[in-house]
Structure formats: C-alpha cells, structure tokens
C-alpha cells in the first residue's frame, strides 16, 4: 500500500502527536500511516539514534571543563578499570570500536598532556601498552564525578530503569554480534 504525502499529512493531522511533542512517536505513527514496513523497529532505531545524540551532548557539556572528549574519556576510563591501569593499544581500539589510527592519535594527545604513557609489552615486542598516569587517574576521576552528577546523560533515570535499559540493549548488542 502506498500513500501520497498529502494523504499521510491529512491522516496525521487527526493525531495529537506532533513532531514537537514527540518526534519519534510522530515518525512511528506517520510511517505506519504511510504503509511503510517495520514501524516499531524503525521507531526503536530512531529512538536509539536520538537518545545517542542527546546523551552525547550531555557528555560533551560535562567533559568540557576537563578538556576531554567522549573518545578520550572512554579510553581513559577503560584504562582506569583495567588491571594496573594498562591495556594494549589494539584492545583499546576493539573496546572503543575505533580504528587503530584513532587510538594512536588519542594516545598521542593524552601523552602530550602527560595523562597516559606508552611502553612496549614486556613479553610481546609487537604490542604497545598504554598506561594511565597519576595525572590521568586524577583527571578521569574528576570527569567521572562531573558525568555522575548528570547521571551520565540520563537525567531522571533511576538505577532500576538504567539496569533494565542496559539489559535490553545487551540483548540487542548480542543479536548484532557485539558479545561473544
């Protein structure tokens, strides 16, 4: 079934949902009215994209005083929770889902600021390790406190809802092959 744009708009005008009141519900309803397939999945994907943008903006605002961006923060946070605050550069790329070149550039930036140091792996000369310095540890802790103050970009989200959201998204990530 196909609809003309005018027909969709006419049918939508009867709905109380507007693009200003809830852009995702507006899209879902009109996708369905237009006879397009997978309205619920389309709305779910659009909701993930929109949420990502909103959470990213909150992260950026909270990280600005620390002069960190999301990638540098996530890299440093990964080091912070790793054994001896150290991780091979290749593993950082896989964890952060970024190209090895990006890891190298980020490590270069953090090394210039004396937040991270590089060292050869003690038993595998092909591997380079990144280690968080004491200054890096202090900065990532400060940035984490700032992020925690805004619930990591999820304001008014209880721990229970956050846990359920993580569980649900873990299932989605598993179906996409993100979890071994």
N, C-alpha and C. Protein backbone atom coordinates (compact mmCIF):
# COMPACT_ATOMS: atom_id res chain seq x y z
N UNK A 1 0.84 -1.18 0.00
CA UNK A 1 0.00 0.00 0.00
C UNK A 1 0.88 1.24 0.00
N UNK A 2 0.62 2.16 -0.90
CA UNK A 2 1.37 3.41 -0.92
C UNK A 2 0.42 4.56 -0.68
N UNK A 3 0.92 5.60 -0.08
CA UNK A 3 0.12 6.79 0.20
C UNK A 3 0.82 8.00 -0.37
N UNK A 4 0.06 8.98 -0.73
CA UNK A 4 0.64 10.26 -1.12
C UNK A 4 0.99 11.01 0.15
N UNK A 5 1.99 11.87 0.04
CA UNK A 5 2.41 12.65 1.21
C UNK A 5 1.24 13.43 1.77
N UNK A 6 0.43 14.02 0.93
CA UNK A 6 -0.72 14.79 1.40
C UNK A 6 -1.69 13.94 2.20
N UNK A 7 -1.92 12.69 1.74
CA UNK A 7 -2.81 11.79 2.47
C UNK A 7 -2.27 11.50 3.87
N UNK A 8 -0.96 11.26 3.95
CA UNK A 8 -0.33 10.99 5.24
C UNK A 8 -0.50 12.18 6.16
N UNK A 9 -0.24 13.37 5.64
CA UNK A 9 -0.37 14.58 6.46
C UNK A 9 -1.81 14.78 6.91
N UNK A 10 -2.75 14.53 6.02
CA UNK A 10 -4.15 14.68 6.41
C UNK A 10 -4.52 13.72 7.52
N UNK A 11 -4.08 12.46 7.41
CA UNK A 11 -4.38 11.48 8.46
C UNK A 11 -3.67 11.86 9.76
N UNK A 12 -2.43 12.38 9.63
CA UNK A 12 -1.68 12.72 10.84
C UNK A 12 -2.30 13.90 11.57
N UNK A 13 -2.88 14.82 10.85
CA UNK A 13 -3.47 16.00 11.49
C UNK A 13 -4.56 15.60 12.48
N UNK A 14 -5.09 14.40 12.32
CA UNK A 14 -6.12 13.90 13.23
C UNK A 14 -5.49 13.39 14.54
N UNK A 15 -4.20 13.15 14.54
CA UNK A 15 -3.49 12.64 15.71
C UNK A 15 -3.08 13.79 16.61
N UNK A 16 -2.93 13.50 17.89
CA UNK A 16 -2.48 14.52 18.84
C UNK A 16 -0.97 14.62 18.90
N UNK A 17 -0.26 13.62 18.38
CA UNK A 17 1.19 13.63 18.43
C UNK A 17 1.72 14.55 17.34
N UNK A 18 2.60 15.45 17.73
CA UNK A 18 3.23 16.35 16.76
C UNK A 18 4.73 16.11 16.78
N UNK A 19 5.39 16.60 15.76
CA UNK A 19 6.84 16.45 15.71
C UNK A 19 7.49 17.18 16.89
N UNK A 20 6.84 18.20 17.42
CA UNK A 20 7.38 18.93 18.57
C UNK A 20 7.10 18.21 19.89
N UNK A 21 5.95 17.53 19.99
CA UNK A 21 5.62 16.86 21.25
C UNK A 21 6.42 15.58 21.44
N UNK A 22 6.59 14.79 20.38
CA UNK A 22 7.41 13.58 20.45
C UNK A 22 7.82 13.19 19.03
N UNK A 23 9.03 13.59 18.63
CA UNK A 23 9.44 13.33 17.25
C UNK A 23 9.45 11.85 16.87
N UNK A 24 9.78 10.97 17.80
CA UNK A 24 9.85 9.54 17.48
C UNK A 24 8.44 8.98 17.28
N UNK A 25 7.52 9.32 18.16
CA UNK A 25 6.15 8.84 18.01
C UNK A 25 5.52 9.42 16.75
N UNK A 26 5.84 10.67 16.45
CA UNK A 26 5.38 11.29 15.21
C UNK A 26 5.85 10.48 14.01
N UNK A 27 7.14 10.11 14.00
CA UNK A 27 7.68 9.31 12.90
C UNK A 27 7.02 7.94 12.82
N UNK A 28 6.90 7.28 13.99
CA UNK A 28 6.30 5.94 14.01
C UNK A 28 4.87 5.97 13.46
N UNK A 29 4.07 6.89 13.98
CA UNK A 29 2.68 6.97 13.53
C UNK A 29 2.59 7.22 12.03
N UNK A 30 3.36 8.16 11.55
CA UNK A 30 3.27 8.52 10.14
C UNK A 30 3.91 7.47 9.24
N UNK A 31 4.90 6.77 9.73
CA UNK A 31 5.50 5.65 8.99
C UNK A 31 4.43 4.58 8.77
N UNK A 32 3.70 4.31 9.86
CA UNK A 32 2.63 3.31 9.81
C UNK A 32 1.51 3.76 8.86
N UNK A 33 1.08 5.01 9.01
CA UNK A 33 0.01 5.55 8.16
C UNK A 33 0.42 5.52 6.69
N UNK A 34 1.70 5.74 6.42
CA UNK A 34 2.20 5.74 5.04
C UNK A 34 2.32 4.33 4.48
N UNK A 35 2.04 3.32 5.33
CA UNK A 35 2.08 1.95 4.87
C UNK A 35 3.48 1.39 4.72
N UNK A 36 4.42 1.98 5.42
CA UNK A 36 5.80 1.53 5.35
C UNK A 36 6.01 0.36 6.31
N UNK A 37 6.94 -0.53 5.98
CA UNK A 37 7.16 -1.72 6.81
C UNK A 37 7.95 -1.43 8.09
N UNK A 38 7.71 -2.22 9.12
CA UNK A 38 8.53 -2.21 10.33
C UNK A 38 8.45 -0.94 11.15
N UNK A 39 7.28 -0.39 11.32
CA UNK A 39 7.14 0.89 12.04
C UNK A 39 7.74 0.84 13.44
N UNK A 40 7.51 -0.25 14.18
CA UNK A 40 8.02 -0.33 15.56
C UNK A 40 9.55 -0.41 15.58
N UNK A 41 10.11 -1.19 14.66
CA UNK A 41 11.57 -1.29 14.60
C UNK A 41 12.20 0.01 14.12
N UNK A 42 11.55 0.68 13.17
CA UNK A 42 12.02 1.98 12.72
C UNK A 42 12.02 2.97 13.89
N UNK A 43 10.94 2.98 14.65
CA UNK A 43 10.85 3.89 15.79
C UNK A 43 11.90 3.55 16.84
N UNK A 44 12.15 2.26 17.07
CA UNK A 44 13.17 1.86 18.05
C UNK A 44 14.55 2.33 17.60
N UNK A 45 14.87 2.11 16.33
CA UNK A 45 16.18 2.54 15.82
C UNK A 45 16.31 4.06 15.88
N UNK A 46 15.27 4.77 15.46
CA UNK A 46 15.30 6.23 15.51
C UNK A 46 15.44 6.72 16.95
N UNK A 47 14.79 6.02 17.87
CA UNK A 47 14.88 6.37 19.29
C UNK A 47 16.30 6.19 19.81
N UNK A 48 16.96 5.10 19.40
CA UNK A 48 18.36 4.87 19.80
C UNK A 48 19.25 5.99 19.26
N UNK A 49 19.07 6.33 17.98
CA UNK A 49 19.88 7.40 17.38
C UNK A 49 19.67 8.72 18.11
N UNK A 50 18.42 9.06 18.37
CA UNK A 50 18.11 10.33 19.03
C UNK A 50 18.65 10.35 20.46
N UNK A 51 18.48 9.24 21.17
CA UNK A 51 19.00 9.14 22.53
C UNK A 51 20.51 9.27 22.53
N UNK A 52 21.17 8.63 21.57
CA UNK A 52 22.63 8.74 21.45
C UNK A 52 23.04 10.21 21.31
N UNK A 53 22.34 10.95 20.46
CA UNK A 53 22.68 12.36 20.27
C UNK A 53 22.48 13.16 21.55
N UNK A 54 21.39 12.91 22.26
CA UNK A 54 21.12 13.63 23.49
C UNK A 54 22.13 13.30 24.59
N UNK A 55 22.44 12.01 24.75
CA UNK A 55 23.42 11.58 25.75
C UNK A 55 24.80 12.12 25.38
N UNK A 56 25.15 12.09 24.10
CA UNK A 56 26.44 12.61 23.65
C UNK A 56 26.58 14.09 23.98
N UNK A 57 25.53 14.85 23.75
CA UNK A 57 25.56 16.28 24.07
C UNK A 57 25.78 16.51 25.57
N UNK A 58 25.10 15.72 26.40
CA UNK A 58 25.28 15.85 27.85
C UNK A 58 26.71 15.49 28.25
N UNK A 59 27.26 14.43 27.65
CA UNK A 59 28.66 14.05 27.92
C UNK A 59 29.59 15.20 27.54
N UNK A 60 29.39 15.74 26.35
CA UNK A 60 30.27 16.82 25.88
C UNK A 60 30.26 18.01 26.84
N UNK A 61 29.07 18.39 27.30
CA UNK A 61 28.98 19.52 28.24
C UNK A 61 29.70 19.21 29.55
N UNK A 62 29.50 18.01 30.07
CA UNK A 62 30.11 17.65 31.35
C UNK A 62 31.63 17.49 31.23
N UNK A 63 32.11 17.07 30.07
CA UNK A 63 33.55 16.83 29.89
C UNK A 63 34.34 18.09 29.50
N UNK A 64 33.65 19.10 29.03
CA UNK A 64 34.32 20.32 28.54
C UNK A 64 35.30 20.92 29.55
N UNK A 65 34.94 21.07 30.82
CA UNK A 65 35.90 21.65 31.78
C UNK A 65 37.19 20.83 31.92
N UNK A 66 37.11 19.53 31.66
CA UNK A 66 38.29 18.67 31.77
C UNK A 66 39.11 18.64 30.48
N UNK A 67 38.61 19.31 29.45
CA UNK A 67 39.25 19.31 28.12
C UNK A 67 39.39 17.88 27.58
N UNK A 68 38.35 17.10 27.82
CA UNK A 68 38.28 15.74 27.27
C UNK A 68 37.09 15.68 26.33
N UNK A 69 37.18 14.79 25.34
CA UNK A 69 36.01 14.49 24.53
C UNK A 69 35.57 13.07 24.88
N UNK A 70 34.51 12.60 24.26
CA UNK A 70 33.99 11.29 24.61
C UNK A 70 35.01 10.17 24.36
N UNK A 71 35.72 10.25 23.25
CA UNK A 71 36.70 9.20 22.93
C UNK A 71 37.84 9.20 23.94
N UNK A 72 38.38 10.37 24.27
CA UNK A 72 39.49 10.40 25.23
C UNK A 72 39.01 9.95 26.61
N UNK A 73 37.80 10.36 26.98
CA UNK A 73 37.28 9.93 28.27
C UNK A 73 37.10 8.42 28.31
N UNK A 74 36.46 7.85 27.29
CA UNK A 74 36.23 6.40 27.29
C UNK A 74 37.54 5.63 27.28
N UNK A 75 38.52 6.12 26.55
CA UNK A 75 39.82 5.45 26.56
C UNK A 75 40.43 5.49 27.96
N UNK A 76 40.41 6.67 28.57
CA UNK A 76 40.97 6.78 29.91
C UNK A 76 40.18 5.98 30.93
N UNK A 77 38.86 5.96 30.80
CA UNK A 77 38.03 5.17 31.72
C UNK A 77 38.31 3.68 31.56
N UNK A 78 38.54 3.25 30.32
CA UNK A 78 38.88 1.85 30.08
C UNK A 78 40.21 1.50 30.75
N UNK A 79 41.18 2.39 30.63
CA UNK A 79 42.46 2.17 31.31
C UNK A 79 42.27 2.15 32.82
N UNK A 80 41.46 3.07 33.32
CA UNK A 80 41.23 3.19 34.76
C UNK A 80 40.72 1.88 35.36
N UNK A 81 39.84 1.18 34.66
CA UNK A 81 39.27 -0.05 35.21
C UNK A 81 40.05 -1.30 34.81
N UNK A 82 41.12 -1.13 34.06
CA UNK A 82 41.93 -2.28 33.64
C UNK A 82 42.99 -2.60 34.68
N UNK A 83 43.45 -3.84 34.66
CA UNK A 83 44.50 -4.27 35.59
C UNK A 83 45.73 -3.38 35.42
N UNK A 84 46.22 -2.84 36.52
CA UNK A 84 47.37 -1.92 36.55
C UNK A 84 47.14 -0.69 35.68
N UNK A 85 45.87 -0.37 35.40
CA UNK A 85 45.51 0.79 34.56
C UNK A 85 46.25 0.75 33.23
N UNK A 86 46.41 -0.46 32.70
CA UNK A 86 47.18 -0.67 31.47
C UNK A 86 46.41 -1.56 30.51
N UNK A 87 46.56 -1.27 29.23
CA UNK A 87 45.88 -2.06 28.20
C UNK A 87 46.67 -1.96 26.90
N UNK A 88 46.73 -3.05 26.13
CA UNK A 88 47.34 -2.98 24.81
C UNK A 88 46.54 -2.04 23.90
N UNK A 89 47.23 -1.30 23.04
CA UNK A 89 46.55 -0.36 22.16
C UNK A 89 45.51 -1.06 21.27
N UNK A 90 45.81 -2.25 20.79
CA UNK A 90 44.88 -2.99 19.95
C UNK A 90 43.58 -3.31 20.67
N UNK A 91 43.68 -3.65 21.94
CA UNK A 91 42.47 -3.94 22.72
C UNK A 91 41.65 -2.68 22.94
N UNK A 92 42.32 -1.54 23.09
CA UNK A 92 41.59 -0.29 23.26
C UNK A 92 40.74 0.01 22.02
N UNK A 93 41.30 -0.22 20.85
CA UNK A 93 40.56 0.00 19.62
C UNK A 93 39.32 -0.86 19.54
N UNK A 94 39.46 -2.14 19.92
CA UNK A 94 38.31 -3.05 19.89
C UNK A 94 37.26 -2.65 20.92
N UNK A 95 37.70 -2.29 22.11
CA UNK A 95 36.78 -1.89 23.17
C UNK A 95 36.00 -0.63 22.80
N UNK A 96 36.71 0.35 22.23
CA UNK A 96 36.09 1.63 21.90
C UNK A 96 35.44 1.64 20.52
N UNK A 97 35.62 0.56 19.75
CA UNK A 97 35.10 0.46 18.39
C UNK A 97 35.60 1.59 17.51
N UNK A 98 36.91 1.84 17.59
CA UNK A 98 37.53 2.86 16.74
C UNK A 98 38.72 2.24 16.00
N UNK A 99 39.10 2.85 14.92
CA UNK A 99 40.21 2.38 14.10
C UNK A 99 41.53 2.53 14.88
N UNK A 100 42.48 1.63 14.65
CA UNK A 100 43.78 1.73 15.34
C UNK A 100 44.45 3.10 15.17
N UNK A 101 44.26 3.73 14.03
CA UNK A 101 44.83 5.06 13.81
C UNK A 101 44.25 6.06 14.81
N UNK A 102 42.95 5.94 15.08
CA UNK A 102 42.31 6.83 16.05
C UNK A 102 42.89 6.61 17.44
N UNK A 103 43.10 5.35 17.81
CA UNK A 103 43.71 5.05 19.12
C UNK A 103 45.08 5.70 19.21
N UNK A 104 45.88 5.56 18.17
CA UNK A 104 47.22 6.16 18.16
C UNK A 104 47.14 7.67 18.32
N UNK A 105 46.24 8.32 17.59
CA UNK A 105 46.10 9.78 17.68
C UNK A 105 45.66 10.21 19.08
N UNK A 106 44.71 9.48 19.66
CA UNK A 106 44.23 9.82 21.01
C UNK A 106 45.34 9.61 22.03
N UNK A 107 46.06 8.50 21.91
CA UNK A 107 47.17 8.25 22.84
C UNK A 107 48.23 9.36 22.69
N UNK A 108 48.51 9.77 21.46
CA UNK A 108 49.46 10.87 21.24
C UNK A 108 49.02 12.13 21.99
N UNK A 109 47.74 12.48 21.85
CA UNK A 109 47.20 13.67 22.52
C UNK A 109 47.31 13.55 24.04
N UNK A 110 46.91 12.38 24.56
CA UNK A 110 46.94 12.18 26.01
C UNK A 110 48.36 12.12 26.54
N UNK A 111 49.26 11.58 25.75
CA UNK A 111 50.66 11.50 26.15
C UNK A 111 51.27 12.90 26.24
N UNK A 112 50.92 13.78 25.30
CA UNK A 112 51.40 15.17 25.33
C UNK A 112 50.94 15.88 26.60
N UNK A 113 49.76 15.51 27.07
CA UNK A 113 49.22 16.12 28.30
C UNK A 113 49.68 15.38 29.55
N UNK A 114 50.51 14.35 29.36
CA UNK A 114 51.06 13.53 30.45
C UNK A 114 49.97 12.81 31.25
N UNK A 115 48.92 12.40 30.54
CA UNK A 115 47.81 11.68 31.15
C UNK A 115 47.93 10.17 30.94
N UNK A 116 48.68 9.80 29.91
CA UNK A 116 48.90 8.40 29.54
C UNK A 116 50.35 8.27 29.12
N UNK A 117 50.89 7.08 29.35
CA UNK A 117 52.23 6.82 28.82
C UNK A 117 52.22 5.50 28.07
N UNK A 118 53.06 5.41 27.07
CA UNK A 118 53.21 4.21 26.26
C UNK A 118 54.43 3.45 26.70
N UNK A 119 54.36 2.14 26.56
CA UNK A 119 55.52 1.30 26.87
C UNK A 119 55.42 0.02 26.05
N UNK A 120 56.56 -0.56 25.71
CA UNK A 120 56.50 -1.84 25.00
C UNK A 120 56.00 -2.93 25.94
N UNK A 121 55.31 -3.90 25.38
CA UNK A 121 54.85 -5.05 26.16
C UNK A 121 56.08 -5.83 26.62
N UNK A 122 56.12 -6.29 27.86
CA UNK A 122 57.32 -6.97 28.36
C UNK A 122 57.63 -8.30 27.68
N UNK A 123 56.63 -8.98 27.13
CA UNK A 123 56.89 -10.29 26.52
C UNK A 123 56.51 -10.38 25.05
N UNK A 124 55.84 -9.37 24.51
CA UNK A 124 55.42 -9.39 23.11
C UNK A 124 55.84 -8.08 22.45
N UNK A 125 56.95 -8.12 21.75
CA UNK A 125 57.51 -6.88 21.19
C UNK A 125 56.64 -6.26 20.11
N UNK A 126 55.64 -6.98 19.61
CA UNK A 126 54.72 -6.43 18.62
C UNK A 126 53.64 -5.57 19.26
N UNK A 127 53.52 -5.62 20.57
CA UNK A 127 52.43 -4.96 21.28
C UNK A 127 52.94 -3.76 22.07
N UNK A 128 52.18 -2.68 21.98
CA UNK A 128 52.46 -1.47 22.76
C UNK A 128 51.36 -1.33 23.80
N UNK A 129 51.76 -0.99 25.01
CA UNK A 129 50.81 -0.81 26.11
C UNK A 129 50.59 0.67 26.38
N UNK A 130 49.39 1.01 26.80
CA UNK A 130 49.08 2.35 27.28
C UNK A 130 48.75 2.23 28.76
N UNK A 131 49.31 3.13 29.55
CA UNK A 131 49.07 3.13 30.99
C UNK A 131 48.63 4.52 31.42
N UNK A 132 47.62 4.57 32.25
CA UNK A 132 47.15 5.83 32.81
C UNK A 132 48.18 6.32 33.82
N UNK A 133 48.55 7.58 33.72
CA UNK A 133 49.48 8.17 34.69
C UNK A 133 48.70 8.63 35.92
N UNK A 134 49.38 8.99 37.00
CA UNK A 134 48.65 9.54 38.15
C UNK A 134 47.84 10.78 37.78
N UNK A 135 48.37 11.64 36.91
CA UNK A 135 47.61 12.82 36.48
C UNK A 135 46.38 12.39 35.68
N UNK A 136 46.52 11.36 34.86
CA UNK A 136 45.39 10.83 34.10
C UNK A 136 44.34 10.23 35.01
N UNK A 137 44.81 9.51 36.03
CA UNK A 137 43.89 8.92 37.01
C UNK A 137 43.08 10.01 37.71
N UNK A 138 43.75 11.08 38.08
CA UNK A 138 43.07 12.18 38.76
C UNK A 138 42.05 12.85 37.83
N UNK A 139 42.44 13.07 36.57
CA UNK A 139 41.53 13.75 35.64
C UNK A 139 40.33 12.88 35.29
N UNK A 140 40.54 11.60 35.05
CA UNK A 140 39.39 10.74 34.71
C UNK A 140 38.45 10.62 35.91
N UNK A 141 38.98 10.66 37.11
CA UNK A 141 38.14 10.63 38.30
C UNK A 141 37.30 11.91 38.39
N UNK A 142 37.92 13.05 38.15
CA UNK A 142 37.22 14.33 38.17
C UNK A 142 36.12 14.35 37.10
N UNK A 143 36.47 13.89 35.89
CA UNK A 143 35.50 13.86 34.79
C UNK A 143 34.35 12.90 35.11
N UNK A 144 34.67 11.78 35.74
CA UNK A 144 33.63 10.80 36.10
C UNK A 144 32.66 11.37 37.12
N UNK A 145 33.16 12.15 38.06
CA UNK A 145 32.29 12.80 39.04
C UNK A 145 31.36 13.77 38.32
N UNK A 146 31.90 14.55 37.38
CA UNK A 146 31.07 15.51 36.63
C UNK A 146 30.00 14.77 35.83
N UNK A 147 30.35 13.65 35.23
CA UNK A 147 29.38 12.87 34.47
C UNK A 147 28.34 12.23 35.39
N UNK A 148 28.78 11.75 36.55
CA UNK A 148 27.84 11.14 37.50
C UNK A 148 26.82 12.17 38.00
N UNK A 149 27.25 13.43 38.11
CA UNK A 149 26.33 14.48 38.55
C UNK A 149 25.16 14.67 37.57
N UNK A 150 25.36 14.32 36.30
CA UNK A 150 24.29 14.42 35.32
C UNK A 150 23.82 13.02 34.90
N UNK A 151 24.04 12.03 35.79
CA UNK A 151 23.64 10.64 35.54
C UNK A 151 24.12 10.14 34.18
N UNK A 152 25.34 10.53 33.82
CA UNK A 152 25.94 10.11 32.56
C UNK A 152 25.01 10.38 31.37
N UNK A 153 24.37 11.55 31.42
CA UNK A 153 23.50 11.95 30.32
C UNK A 153 22.12 11.35 30.36
N UNK A 154 21.77 10.69 31.44
CA UNK A 154 20.45 10.08 31.59
C UNK A 154 19.74 10.67 32.82
N UNK A 155 19.41 11.96 32.76
CA UNK A 155 18.78 12.60 33.91
C UNK A 155 17.43 11.98 34.22
N UNK A 156 17.07 11.99 35.47
CA UNK A 156 15.78 11.46 35.92
C UNK A 156 15.57 9.99 35.56
N UNK A 157 16.67 9.26 35.37
CA UNK A 157 16.60 7.82 35.10
C UNK A 157 17.05 7.10 36.35
N UNK A 158 16.16 6.31 36.91
CA UNK A 158 16.51 5.58 38.13
C UNK A 158 17.52 4.49 37.83
N UNK A 159 18.16 3.98 38.88
CA UNK A 159 19.10 2.87 38.70
C UNK A 159 18.39 1.65 38.13
N UNK A 160 17.16 1.41 38.54
CA UNK A 160 16.39 0.28 38.03
C UNK A 160 16.13 0.40 36.53
N UNK A 161 15.72 1.58 36.10
CA UNK A 161 15.49 1.79 34.67
C UNK A 161 16.81 1.68 33.91
N UNK A 162 17.87 2.25 34.46
CA UNK A 162 19.18 2.16 33.80
C UNK A 162 19.61 0.69 33.66
N UNK A 163 19.39 -0.10 34.69
CA UNK A 163 19.73 -1.52 34.65
C UNK A 163 18.91 -2.25 33.59
N UNK A 164 17.60 -1.98 33.55
CA UNK A 164 16.74 -2.62 32.55
C UNK A 164 17.13 -2.19 31.12
N UNK A 165 17.46 -0.93 30.97
CA UNK A 165 17.89 -0.43 29.67
C UNK A 165 19.18 -1.12 29.23
N UNK A 166 20.12 -1.26 30.15
CA UNK A 166 21.38 -1.95 29.84
C UNK A 166 21.11 -3.41 29.46
N UNK A 167 20.24 -4.08 30.20
CA UNK A 167 19.90 -5.47 29.90
C UNK A 167 19.24 -5.60 28.53
N UNK A 168 18.32 -4.72 28.24
CA UNK A 168 17.64 -4.76 26.94
C UNK A 168 18.62 -4.50 25.81
N UNK A 169 19.44 -3.47 25.96
CA UNK A 169 20.40 -3.15 24.91
C UNK A 169 21.48 -4.22 24.79
N UNK A 170 21.77 -4.93 25.88
CA UNK A 170 22.73 -6.05 25.80
C UNK A 170 22.19 -7.13 24.89
N UNK A 171 20.89 -7.40 25.01
CA UNK A 171 20.26 -8.39 24.12
C UNK A 171 20.35 -7.94 22.66
N UNK A 172 20.10 -6.67 22.42
CA UNK A 172 20.19 -6.14 21.06
C UNK A 172 21.63 -6.24 20.56
N UNK A 173 22.59 -5.84 21.42
CA UNK A 173 24.00 -5.92 21.01
C UNK A 173 24.41 -7.36 20.73
N UNK A 174 23.93 -8.30 21.54
CA UNK A 174 24.25 -9.71 21.33
C UNK A 174 23.72 -10.19 19.97
N UNK A 175 22.51 -9.75 19.63
CA UNK A 175 21.94 -10.17 18.35
C UNK A 175 22.70 -9.56 17.18
N UNK A 176 23.41 -8.48 17.43
CA UNK A 176 24.21 -7.82 16.39
C UNK A 176 25.65 -8.35 16.38
N UNK A 177 25.96 -9.30 17.26
CA UNK A 177 27.29 -9.90 17.28
C UNK A 177 28.32 -9.15 18.09
N UNK A 178 27.88 -8.24 18.96
CA UNK A 178 28.81 -7.44 19.76
C UNK A 178 29.35 -8.20 20.97
N UNK A 179 28.68 -9.27 21.35
CA UNK A 179 29.07 -10.03 22.54
C UNK A 179 29.41 -11.44 22.12
N UNK A 180 30.55 -11.91 22.58
CA UNK A 180 30.98 -13.28 22.23
C UNK A 180 30.25 -14.30 23.06
